[in-house]
Amino acid sequence: MIDLLLALSAGILFGFVLRHYPVWAKQVPVAITVGLFALIFVMGLQVGGSSEVMNSIMQIGFQAASFAFITVCGSVMFSVPLSLWWKKKSGGGHHS
């Protein structure tokens, strides 16, 4: 936990210094993008290197797809009746 606080403190300090140098401050979004891609790559290495995860990837994918499908169905089940009720309440959606 202390590592995270030190990293955050260092970032705040660098941000404070860089705001006085606009040329370098403009490079911050590029650094964020590169760092994000590096993080995703390393996470992929970790997942690919785990035989337990790789052996259960089909089950995990099926569960994720099922969850997404059920979520969409639930949203439709509640939004369609709600929109019909709303139209009825507001006079059929016709404005004069």
PDB file of N, CA and C in Angstrom:
ATOM      1  N   MET A   1       0.823  -1.187   0.000  1.00  0.00           N
ATOM      2  CA  MET A   1       0.000   0.000   0.000  1.00  0.00           C
ATOM      3  C   MET A   1       0.871   1.257   0.000  1.00  0.00           C
ATOM      4  N   ILE A   2       1.958   1.194   0.721  1.00  0.00           N
ATOM      5  CA  ILE A   2       2.845   2.352   0.772  1.00  0.00           C
ATOM      6  C   ILE A   2       3.441   2.636  -0.603  1.00  0.00           C
ATOM      7  N   ASP A   3       3.649   1.563  -1.393  1.00  0.00           N
ATOM      8  CA  ASP A   3       4.172   1.743  -2.752  1.00  0.00           C
ATOM      9  C   ASP A   3       3.210   2.579  -3.593  1.00  0.00           C
ATOM     10  N   LEU A   4       1.916   2.297  -3.458  1.00  0.00           N
ATOM     11  CA  LEU A   4       0.918   3.050  -4.220  1.00  0.00           C
ATOM     12  C   LEU A   4       0.891   4.516  -3.804  1.00  0.00           C
ATOM     13  N   LEU A   5       0.969   4.758  -2.511  1.00  0.00           N
ATOM     14  CA  LEU A   5       0.971   6.141  -2.026  1.00  0.00           C
ATOM     15  C   LEU A   5       2.223   6.889  -2.476  1.00  0.00           C
ATOM     16  N   LEU A   6       3.360   6.202  -2.482  1.00  0.00           N
ATOM     17  CA  LEU A   6       4.592   6.829  -2.962  1.00  0.00           C
ATOM     18  C   LEU A   6       4.503   7.138  -4.455  1.00  0.00           C
ATOM     19  N   ALA A   7       3.945   6.210  -5.233  1.00  0.00           N
ATOM     20  CA  ALA A   7       3.790   6.445  -6.672  1.00  0.00           C
ATOM     21  C   ALA A   7       2.844   7.612  -6.924  1.00  0.00           C
ATOM     22  N   LEU A   8       1.742   7.668  -6.180  1.00  0.00           N
ATOM     23  CA  LEU A   8       0.803   8.780  -6.323  1.00  0.00           C
ATOM     24  C   LEU A   8       1.463  10.098  -5.946  1.00  0.00           C
ATOM     25  N   SER A   9       2.208  10.106  -4.859  1.00  0.00           N
ATOM     26  CA  SER A   9       2.904  11.325  -4.429  1.00  0.00           C
ATOM     27  C   SER A   9       3.924  11.778  -5.464  1.00  0.00           C
ATOM     28  N   ALA A  10       4.664  10.826  -6.032  1.00  0.00           N
ATOM     29  CA  ALA A  10       5.639  11.168  -7.074  1.00  0.00           C
ATOM     30  C   ALA A  10       4.928  11.739  -8.293  1.00  0.00           C
ATOM     31  N   GLY A  11       3.788  11.165  -8.666  1.00  0.00           N
ATOM     32  CA  GLY A  11       3.027  11.680  -9.801  1.00  0.00           C
ATOM     33  C   GLY A  11       2.522  13.090  -9.561  1.00  0.00           C
ATOM     34  N   ILE A  12       2.053  13.346  -8.355  1.00  0.00           N
ATOM     35  CA  ILE A  12       1.588  14.695  -8.018  1.00  0.00           C
ATOM     36  C   ILE A  12       2.741  15.682  -8.095  1.00  0.00           C
ATOM     37  N   LEU A  13       3.895  15.295  -7.574  1.00  0.00           N
ATOM     38  CA  LEU A  13       5.071  16.165  -7.611  1.00  0.00           C
ATOM     39  C   LEU A  13       5.503  16.447  -9.046  1.00  0.00           C
ATOM     40  N   PHE A  14       5.578  15.391  -9.876  1.00  0.00           N
ATOM     41  CA  PHE A  14       5.952  15.589 -11.277  1.00  0.00           C
ATOM     42  C   PHE A  14       4.914  16.444 -11.998  1.00  0.00           C
ATOM     43  N   GLY A  15       3.641  16.224 -11.710  1.00  0.00           N
ATOM     44  CA  GLY A  15       2.588  17.030 -12.325  1.00  0.00           C
ATOM     45  C   GLY A  15       2.718  18.498 -11.958  1.00  0.00           C
ATOM     46  N   PHE A  16       3.056  18.759 -10.701  1.00  0.00           N
ATOM     47  CA  PHE A  16       3.239  20.137 -10.258  1.00  0.00           C
ATOM     48  C   PHE A  16       4.403  20.796 -10.987  1.00  0.00           C
ATOM     49  N   VAL A  17       5.495  20.054 -11.165  1.00  0.00           N
ATOM     50  CA  VAL A  17       6.669  20.589 -11.860  1.00  0.00           C
ATOM     51  C   VAL A  17       6.385  20.755 -13.350  1.00  0.00           C
ATOM     52  N   LEU A  18       5.718  19.749 -13.963  1.00  0.00           N
ATOM     53  CA  LEU A  18       5.478  19.784 -15.409  1.00  0.00           C
ATOM     54  C   LEU A  18       4.493  20.864 -15.834  1.00  0.00           C
ATOM     55  N   ARG A  19       3.656  21.331 -14.929  1.00  0.00           N
ATOM     56  CA  ARG A  19       2.700  22.359 -15.349  1.00  0.00           C
ATOM     57  C   ARG A  19       3.398  23.670 -15.698  1.00  0.00           C
ATOM     58  N   HIS A  20       4.630  23.821 -15.261  1.00  0.00           N
ATOM     59  CA  HIS A  20       5.414  25.006 -15.615  1.00  0.00           C
ATOM     60  C   HIS A  20       6.156  24.824 -16.940  1.00  0.00           C
ATOM     61  N   TYR A  21       6.101  23.632 -17.517  1.00  0.00           N
ATOM     62  CA  TYR A  21       6.738  23.321 -18.795  1.00  0.00           C
ATOM     63  C   TYR A  21       5.686  22.748 -19.742  1.00  0.00           C
ATOM     64  N   PRO A  22       4.948  23.615 -20.444  1.00  0.00           N
ATOM     65  CA  PRO A  22       3.824  23.146 -21.259  1.00  0.00           C
ATOM     66  C   PRO A  22       4.213  22.146 -22.343  1.00  0.00           C
ATOM     67  N   VAL A  23       5.444  22.218 -22.854  1.00  0.00           N
ATOM     68  CA  VAL A  23       5.866  21.275 -23.894  1.00  0.00           C
ATOM     69  C   VAL A  23       5.846  19.852 -23.337  1.00  0.00           C
ATOM     70  N   TRP A  24       6.341  19.670 -22.128  1.00  0.00           N
ATOM     71  CA  TRP A  24       6.354  18.344 -21.508  1.00  0.00           C
ATOM     72  C   TRP A  24       4.959  17.953 -21.036  1.00  0.00           C
ATOM     73  N   ALA A  25       4.188  18.914 -20.577  1.00  0.00           N
ATOM     74  CA  ALA A  25       2.841  18.619 -20.091  1.00  0.00           C
ATOM     75  C   ALA A  25       1.960  18.068 -21.201  1.00  0.00           C
ATOM     76  N   LYS A  26       2.217  18.483 -22.446  1.00  0.00           N
ATOM     77  CA  LYS A  26       1.437  17.982 -23.578  1.00  0.00           C
ATOM     78  C   LYS A  26       1.718  16.509 -23.849  1.00  0.00           C
ATOM     79  N   GLN A  27       2.828  15.982 -23.342  1.00  0.00           N
ATOM     80  CA  GLN A  27       3.191  14.582 -23.566  1.00  0.00           C
ATOM     81  C   GLN A  27       2.553  13.638 -22.547  1.00  0.00           C
ATOM     82  N   VAL A  28       1.896  14.187 -21.540  1.00  0.00           N
ATOM     83  CA  VAL A  28       1.289  13.348 -20.502  1.00  0.00           C
ATOM     84  C   VAL A  28       0.243  12.392 -21.077  1.00  0.00           C
ATOM     85  N   PRO A  29      -0.673  12.832 -21.961  1.00  0.00           N
ATOM     86  CA  PRO A  29      -1.632  11.869 -22.529  1.00  0.00           C
ATOM     87  C   PRO A  29      -0.956  10.730 -23.293  1.00  0.00           C
ATOM     88  N   VAL A  30       0.149  11.019 -23.963  1.00  0.00           N
ATOM     89  CA  VAL A  30       0.887   9.969 -24.671  1.00  0.00           C
ATOM     90  C   VAL A  30       1.453   8.971 -23.662  1.00  0.00           C
ATOM     91  N   ALA A  31       2.004   9.476 -22.578  1.00  0.00           N
ATOM     92  CA  ALA A  31       2.551   8.594 -21.541  1.00  0.00           C
ATOM     93  C   ALA A  31       1.451   7.743 -20.914  1.00  0.00           C
ATOM     94  N   ILE A  32       0.272   8.318 -20.726  1.00  0.00           N
ATOM     95  CA  ILE A  32      -0.853   7.558 -20.175  1.00  0.00           C
ATOM     96  C   ILE A  32      -1.240   6.432 -21.125  1.00  0.00           C
ATOM     97  N   THR A  33      -1.311   6.731 -22.419  1.00  0.00           N
ATOM     98  CA  THR A  33      -1.679   5.716 -23.407  1.00  0.00           C
ATOM     99  C   THR A  33      -0.652   4.592 -23.446  1.00  0.00           C
ATOM    100  N   VAL A  34       0.615   4.943 -23.477  1.00  0.00           N
ATOM    101  CA  VAL A  34       1.677   3.931 -23.499  1.00  0.00           C
ATOM    102  C   VAL A  34       1.627   3.085 -22.226  1.00  0.00           C
ATOM    103  N   GLY A  35       1.457   3.736 -21.096  1.00  0.00           N
ATOM    104  CA  GLY A  35       1.373   3.001 -19.832  1.00  0.00           C
ATOM    105  C   GLY A  35       0.175   2.072 -19.776  1.00  0.00           C
ATOM    106  N   LEU A  36      -0.952   2.530 -20.303  1.00  0.00           N
ATOM    107  CA  LEU A  36      -2.152   1.698 -20.316  1.00  0.00           C
ATOM    108  C   LEU A  36      -1.960   0.468 -21.190  1.00  0.00           C
ATOM    109  N   PHE A  37      -1.381   0.665 -22.383  1.00  0.00           N
ATOM    110  CA  PHE A  37      -1.121  -0.477 -23.258  1.00  0.00           C
ATOM    111  C   PHE A  37      -0.114  -1.439 -22.632  1.00  0.00           C
ATOM    112  N   ALA A  38       0.884  -0.912 -21.947  1.00  0.00           N
ATOM    113  CA  ALA A  38       1.855  -1.780 -21.270  1.00  0.00           C
ATOM    114  C   ALA A  38       1.174  -2.584 -20.167  1.00  0.00           C
ATOM    115  N   LEU A  39       0.290  -1.945 -19.417  1.00  0.00           N
ATOM    116  CA  LEU A  39      -0.438  -2.640 -18.360  1.00  0.00           C
ATOM    117  C   LEU A  39      -1.310  -3.753 -18.931  1.00  0.00           C
ATOM    118  N   ILE A  40      -2.039  -3.466 -20.009  1.00  0.00           N
ATOM    119  CA  ILE A  40      -2.886  -4.479 -20.640  1.00  0.00           C
ATOM    120  C   ILE A  40      -2.036  -5.630 -21.174  1.00  0.00           C
ATOM    121  N   PHE A  41      -0.886  -5.315 -21.770  1.00  0.00           N
ATOM    122  CA  PHE A  41       0.011  -6.351 -22.286  1.00  0.00           C
ATOM    123  C   PHE A  41       0.505  -7.261 -21.164  1.00  0.00           C
ATOM    124  N   VAL A  42       0.925  -6.669 -20.064  1.00  0.00           N
ATOM    125  CA  VAL A  42       1.430  -7.456 -18.938  1.00  0.00           C
ATOM    126  C   VAL A  42       0.310  -8.302 -18.331  1.00  0.00           C
ATOM    127  N   MET A  43      -0.902  -7.753 -18.281  1.00  0.00           N
ATOM    128  CA  MET A  43      -2.035  -8.546 -17.797  1.00  0.00           C
ATOM    129  C   MET A  43      -2.284  -9.733 -18.720  1.00  0.00           C
ATOM    130  N   GLY A  44      -2.157  -9.525 -20.027  1.00  0.00           N
ATOM    131  CA  GLY A  44      -2.292 -10.616 -20.986  1.00  0.00           C
ATOM    132  C   GLY A  44      -1.225 -11.673 -20.786  1.00  0.00           C
ATOM    133  N   LEU A  45       0.001 -11.243 -20.503  1.00  0.00           N
ATOM    134  CA  LEU A  45       1.073 -12.203 -20.202  1.00  0.00           C
ATOM    135  C   LEU A  45       0.725 -13.050 -18.979  1.00  0.00           C
ATOM    136  N   GLN A  46       0.187 -12.392 -17.981  1.00  0.00           N
ATOM    137  CA  GLN A  46      -0.177 -13.108 -16.751  1.00  0.00           C
ATOM    138  C   GLN A  46      -1.296 -14.108 -17.018  1.00  0.00           C
ATOM    139  N   VAL A  47      -2.312 -13.697 -17.758  1.00  0.00           N
ATOM    140  CA  VAL A  47      -3.423 -14.601 -18.073  1.00  0.00           C
ATOM    141  C   VAL A  47      -2.937 -15.748 -18.946  1.00  0.00           C
ATOM    142  N   GLY A  48      -2.153 -15.439 -19.968  1.00  0.00           N
ATOM    143  CA  GLY A  48      -1.642 -16.476 -20.858  1.00  0.00           C
ATOM    144  C   GLY A  48      -0.710 -17.445 -20.165  1.00  0.00           C
ATOM    145  N   GLY A  49      -0.018 -16.989 -19.153  1.00  0.00           N
ATOM    146  CA  GLY A  49       0.915 -17.843 -18.427  1.00  0.00           C
ATOM    147  C   GLY A  49       0.260 -18.705 -17.363  1.00  0.00           C
ATOM    148  N   SER A  50      -1.006 -18.454 -17.081  1.00  0.00           N
ATOM    149  CA  SER A  50      -1.713 -19.225 -16.059  1.00  0.00           C
ATOM    150  C   SER A  50      -2.459 -20.382 -16.711  1.00  0.00           C
ATOM    151  N   SER A  51      -1.999 -21.598 -16.457  1.00  0.00           N
ATOM    152  CA  SER A  51      -2.658 -22.763 -17.061  1.00  0.00           C
ATOM    153  C   SER A  51      -4.068 -22.939 -16.516  1.00  0.00           C
ATOM    154  N   GLU A  52      -4.291 -22.553 -15.271  1.00  0.00           N
ATOM    155  CA  GLU A  52      -5.631 -22.670 -14.684  1.00  0.00           C
ATOM    156  C   GLU A  52      -6.628 -21.780 -15.424  1.00  0.00           C
ATOM    157  N   VAL A  53      -6.229 -20.547 -15.709  1.00  0.00           N
ATOM    158  CA  VAL A  53      -7.115 -19.633 -16.431  1.00  0.00           C
ATOM    159  C   VAL A  53      -7.304 -20.107 -17.860  1.00  0.00           C
ATOM    160  N   MET A  54      -6.229 -20.514 -18.513  1.00  0.00           N
ATOM    161  CA  MET A  54      -6.333 -20.950 -19.906  1.00  0.00           C
ATOM    162  C   MET A  54      -7.190 -22.207 -20.045  1.00  0.00           C
ATOM    163  N   ASN A  55      -7.148 -23.098 -19.057  1.00  0.00           N
ATOM    164  CA  ASN A  55      -7.964 -24.306 -19.107  1.00  0.00           C
ATOM    165  C   ASN A  55      -9.448 -24.010 -18.905  1.00  0.00           C
ATOM    166  N   SER A  56      -9.763 -22.909 -18.229  1.00  0.00           N
ATOM    167  CA  SER A  56     -11.166 -22.596 -17.960  1.00  0.00           C
ATOM    168  C   SER A  56     -11.662 -21.399 -18.769  1.00  0.00           C
ATOM    169  N   ILE A  57     -10.921 -20.997 -19.806  1.00  0.00           N
ATOM    170  CA  ILE A  57     -11.273 -19.795 -20.566  1.00  0.00           C
ATOM    171  C   ILE A  57     -12.624 -19.940 -21.268  1.00  0.00           C
ATOM    172  N   MET A  58     -12.954 -21.146 -21.750  1.00  0.00           N
ATOM    173  CA  MET A  58     -14.245 -21.352 -22.409  1.00  0.00           C
ATOM    174  C   MET A  58     -15.390 -21.175 -21.418  1.00  0.00           C
ATOM    175  N   GLN A  59     -15.227 -21.703 -20.223  1.00  0.00           N
ATOM    176  CA  GLN A  59     -16.270 -21.571 -19.210  1.00  0.00           C
ATOM    177  C   GLN A  59     -16.429 -20.110 -18.806  1.00  0.00           C
ATOM    178  N   ILE A  60     -15.314 -19.417 -18.635  1.00  0.00           N
ATOM    179  CA  ILE A  60     -15.366 -18.003 -18.268  1.00  0.00           C
ATOM    180  C   ILE A  60     -16.049 -17.202 -19.371  1.00  0.00           C
ATOM    181  N   GLY A  61     -15.711 -17.482 -20.625  1.00  0.00           N
ATOM    182  CA  GLY A  61     -16.330 -16.784 -21.753  1.00  0.00           C
ATOM    183  C   GLY A  61     -17.816 -17.058 -21.839  1.00  0.00           C
ATOM    184  N   PHE A  62     -18.227 -18.314 -21.608  1.00  0.00           N
ATOM    185  CA  PHE A  62     -19.648 -18.659 -21.636  1.00  0.00           C
ATOM    186  C   PHE A  62     -20.394 -17.936 -20.524  1.00  0.00           C
ATOM    187  N   GLN A  63     -19.802 -17.887 -19.343  1.00  0.00           N
ATOM    188  CA  GLN A  63     -20.435 -17.185 -18.228  1.00  0.00           C
ATOM    189  C   GLN A  63     -20.560 -15.695 -18.524  1.00  0.00           C
ATOM    190  N   ALA A  64     -19.529 -15.100 -19.110  1.00  0.00           N
ATOM    191  CA  ALA A  64     -19.571 -13.672 -19.434  1.00  0.00           C
ATOM    192  C   ALA A  64     -20.631 -13.387 -20.489  1.00  0.00           C
ATOM    193  N   ALA A  65     -20.704 -14.226 -21.536  1.00  0.00           N
ATOM    194  CA  ALA A  65     -21.708 -14.033 -22.584  1.00  0.00           C
ATOM    195  C   ALA A  65     -23.114 -14.231 -22.025  1.00  0.00           C
ATOM    196  N   SER A  66     -23.286 -15.221 -21.159  1.00  0.00           N
ATOM    197  CA  SER A  66     -24.592 -15.456 -20.540  1.00  0.00           C
ATOM    198  C   SER A  66     -25.005 -14.269 -19.687  1.00  0.00           C
ATOM    199  N   PHE A  67     -24.075 -13.751 -18.912  1.00  0.00           N
ATOM    200  CA  PHE A  67     -24.365 -12.596 -18.064  1.00  0.00           C
ATOM    201  C   PHE A  67     -24.760 -11.391 -18.909  1.00  0.00           C
ATOM    202  N   ALA A  68     -24.039 -11.151 -20.002  1.00  0.00           N
ATOM    203  CA  ALA A  68     -24.370 -10.023 -20.880  1.00  0.00           C
ATOM    204  C   ALA A  68     -25.754 -10.204 -21.489  1.00  0.00           C
ATOM    205  N   PHE A  69     -26.068 -11.406 -21.959  1.00  0.00           N
ATOM    206  CA  PHE A  69     -27.369 -11.680 -22.570  1.00  0.00           C
ATOM    207  C   PHE A  69     -28.499 -11.488 -21.560  1.00  0.00           C
ATOM    208  N   ILE A  70     -28.333 -12.030 -20.361  1.00  0.00           N
ATOM    209  CA  ILE A  70     -29.363 -11.899 -19.330  1.00  0.00           C
ATOM    210  C   ILE A  70     -29.534 -10.440 -18.921  1.00  0.00           C
ATOM    211  N   THR A  71     -28.451  -9.685 -18.876  1.00  0.00           N
ATOM    212  CA  THR A  71     -28.526  -8.269 -18.537  1.00  0.00           C
ATOM    213  C   THR A  71     -29.326  -7.502 -19.579  1.00  0.00           C
ATOM    214  N   VAL A  72     -29.069  -7.768 -20.857  1.00  0.00           N
ATOM    215  CA  VAL A  72     -29.817  -7.103 -21.929  1.00  0.00           C
ATOM    216  C   VAL A  72     -31.291  -7.484 -21.856  1.00  0.00           C
ATOM    217  N   CYS A  73     -31.579  -8.767 -21.663  1.00  0.00           N
ATOM    218  CA  CYS A  73     -32.979  -9.210 -21.562  1.00  0.00           C
ATOM    219  C   CYS A  73     -33.686  -8.530 -20.390  1.00  0.00           C
ATOM    220  N   GLY A  74     -33.026  -8.443 -19.263  1.00  0.00           N
ATOM    221  CA  GLY A  74     -33.613  -7.770 -18.103  1.00  0.00           C
ATOM    222  C   GLY A  74     -33.865  -6.298 -18.367  1.00  0.00           C
ATOM    223  N   SER A  75     -32.945  -5.647 -19.044  1.00  0.00           N
ATOM    224  CA  SER A  75     -33.129  -4.231 -19.377  1.00  0.00           C
ATOM    225  C   SER A  75     -34.334  -4.036 -20.281  1.00  0.00           C
ATOM    226  N   VAL A  76     -34.476  -4.904 -21.284  1.00  0.00           N
ATOM    227  CA  VAL A  76     -35.614  -4.806 -22.203  1.00  0.00           C
ATOM    228  C   VAL A  76     -36.913  -5.094 -21.461  1.00  0.00           C
ATOM    229  N   MET A  77     -36.901  -6.111 -20.593  1.00  0.00           N
ATOM    230  CA  MET A  77     -38.110  -6.470 -19.848  1.00  0.00           C
ATOM    231  C   MET A  77     -38.626  -5.313 -19.004  1.00  0.00           C
ATOM    232  N   PHE A  78     -37.737  -4.494 -18.492  1.00  0.00           N
ATOM    233  CA  PHE A  78     -38.168  -3.380 -17.663  1.00  0.00           C
ATOM    234  C   PHE A  78     -38.349  -2.089 -18.452  1.00  0.00           C
ATOM    235  N   SER A  79     -37.564  -1.871 -19.490  1.00  0.00           N
ATOM    236  CA  SER A  79     -37.649  -0.598 -20.208  1.00  0.00           C
ATOM    237  C   SER A  79     -38.851  -0.521 -21.136  1.00  0.00           C
ATOM    238  N   VAL A  80     -39.244  -1.638 -21.767  1.00  0.00           N
ATOM    239  CA  VAL A  80     -40.397  -1.597 -22.673  1.00  0.00           C
ATOM    240  C   VAL A  80     -41.676  -1.265 -21.908  1.00  0.00           C
ATOM    241  N   PRO A  81     -42.021  -1.993 -20.838  1.00  0.00           N
ATOM    242  CA  PRO A  81     -43.234  -1.603 -20.104  1.00  0.00           C
ATOM    243  C   PRO A  81     -43.146  -0.194 -19.522  1.00  0.00           C
ATOM    244  N   LEU A  82     -41.968   0.193 -19.062  1.00  0.00           N
ATOM    245  CA  LEU A  82     -41.815   1.536 -18.513  1.00  0.00           C
ATOM    246  C   LEU A  82     -42.030   2.592 -19.579  1.00  0.00           C
ATOM    247  N   SER A  83     -41.501   2.389 -20.782  1.00  0.00           N
ATOM    248  CA  SER A  83     -41.697   3.379 -21.848  1.00  0.00           C
ATOM    249  C   SER A  83     -43.154   3.424 -22.289  1.00  0.00           C
ATOM    250  N   LEU A  84     -43.843   2.273 -22.329  1.00  0.00           N
ATOM    251  CA  LEU A  84     -45.272   2.270 -22.668  1.00  0.00           C
ATOM    252  C   LEU A  84     -46.078   3.013 -21.611  1.00  0.00           C
ATOM    253  N   TRP A  85     -45.753   2.779 -20.354  1.00  0.00           N
ATOM    254  CA  TRP A  85     -46.427   3.485 -19.265  1.00  0.00           C
ATOM    255  C   TRP A  85     -46.167   4.986 -19.355  1.00  0.00           C
ATOM    256  N   TRP A  86     -44.927   5.352 -19.659  1.00  0.00           N
ATOM    257  CA  TRP A  86     -44.563   6.766 -19.741  1.00  0.00           C
ATOM    258  C   TRP A  86     -45.312   7.453 -20.879  1.00  0.00           C
ATOM    259  N   LYS A  87     -45.405   6.778 -22.030  1.00  0.00           N
ATOM    260  CA  LYS A  87     -46.143   7.354 -23.159  1.00  0.00           C
ATOM    261  C   LYS A  87     -47.613   7.514 -22.818  1.00  0.00           C
ATOM    262  N   LYS A  88     -48.187   6.526 -22.148  1.00  0.00           N
ATOM    263  CA  LYS A  88     -49.594   6.594 -21.762  1.00  0.00           C
ATOM    264  C   LYS A  88     -49.818   7.731 -20.775  1.00  0.00           C
ATOM    265  N   LYS A  89     -48.910   7.875 -19.826  1.00  0.00           N
ATOM    266  CA  LYS A  89     -49.023   8.916 -18.808  1.00  0.00           C
ATOM    267  C   LYS A  89     -48.889  10.308 -19.418  1.00  0.00           C
ATOM    268  N   SER A  90     -48.027  10.452 -20.409  1.00  0.00           N
ATOM    269  CA  SER A  90     -47.786  11.775 -20.996  1.00  0.00           C
ATOM    270  C   SER A  90     -48.717  12.058 -22.170  1.00  0.00           C
ATOM    271  N   GLY A  91     -49.747  11.267 -22.355  1.00  0.00           N
ATOM    272  CA  GLY A  91     -50.727  11.552 -23.398  1.00  0.00           C
ATOM    273  C   GLY A  91     -50.383  10.950 -24.737  1.00  0.00           C
ATOM    274  N   GLY A  92     -49.705   9.851 -24.757  1.00  0.00           N
ATOM    275  CA  GLY A  92     -49.424   9.164 -26.009  1.00  0.00           C
ATOM    276  C   GLY A  92     -48.258   9.714 -26.783  1.00  0.00           C
ATOM    277  N   GLY A  93     -47.534  10.615 -26.212  1.00  0.00           N
ATOM    278  CA  GLY A  93     -46.360  11.134 -26.890  1.00  0.00           C
ATOM    279  C   GLY A  93     -46.664  12.189 -27.937  1.00  0.00           C
ATOM    280  N   HIS A  94     -47.923  12.640 -28.035  1.00  0.00           N
ATOM    281  CA  HIS A  94     -48.285  13.670 -29.009  1.00  0.00           C
ATOM    282  C   HIS A  94     -48.231  15.032 -28.335  1.00  0.00           C
ATOM    283  N   HIS A  95     -47.536  15.944 -28.955  1.00  0.00           N
ATOM    284  CA  HIS A  95     -47.433  17.304 -28.427  1.00  0.00           C
ATOM    285  C   HIS A  95     -48.206  18.240 -29.330  1.00  0.00           C
ATOM    286  N   SER A  96     -48.919  19.200 -28.750  1.00  0.00           N
ATOM    287  CA  SER A  96     -49.681  20.173 -29.540  1.00  0.00           C
ATOM    288  C   SER A  96     -48.879  21.422 -29.769  1.00  0.00           C
TER     289      SER A  96
END
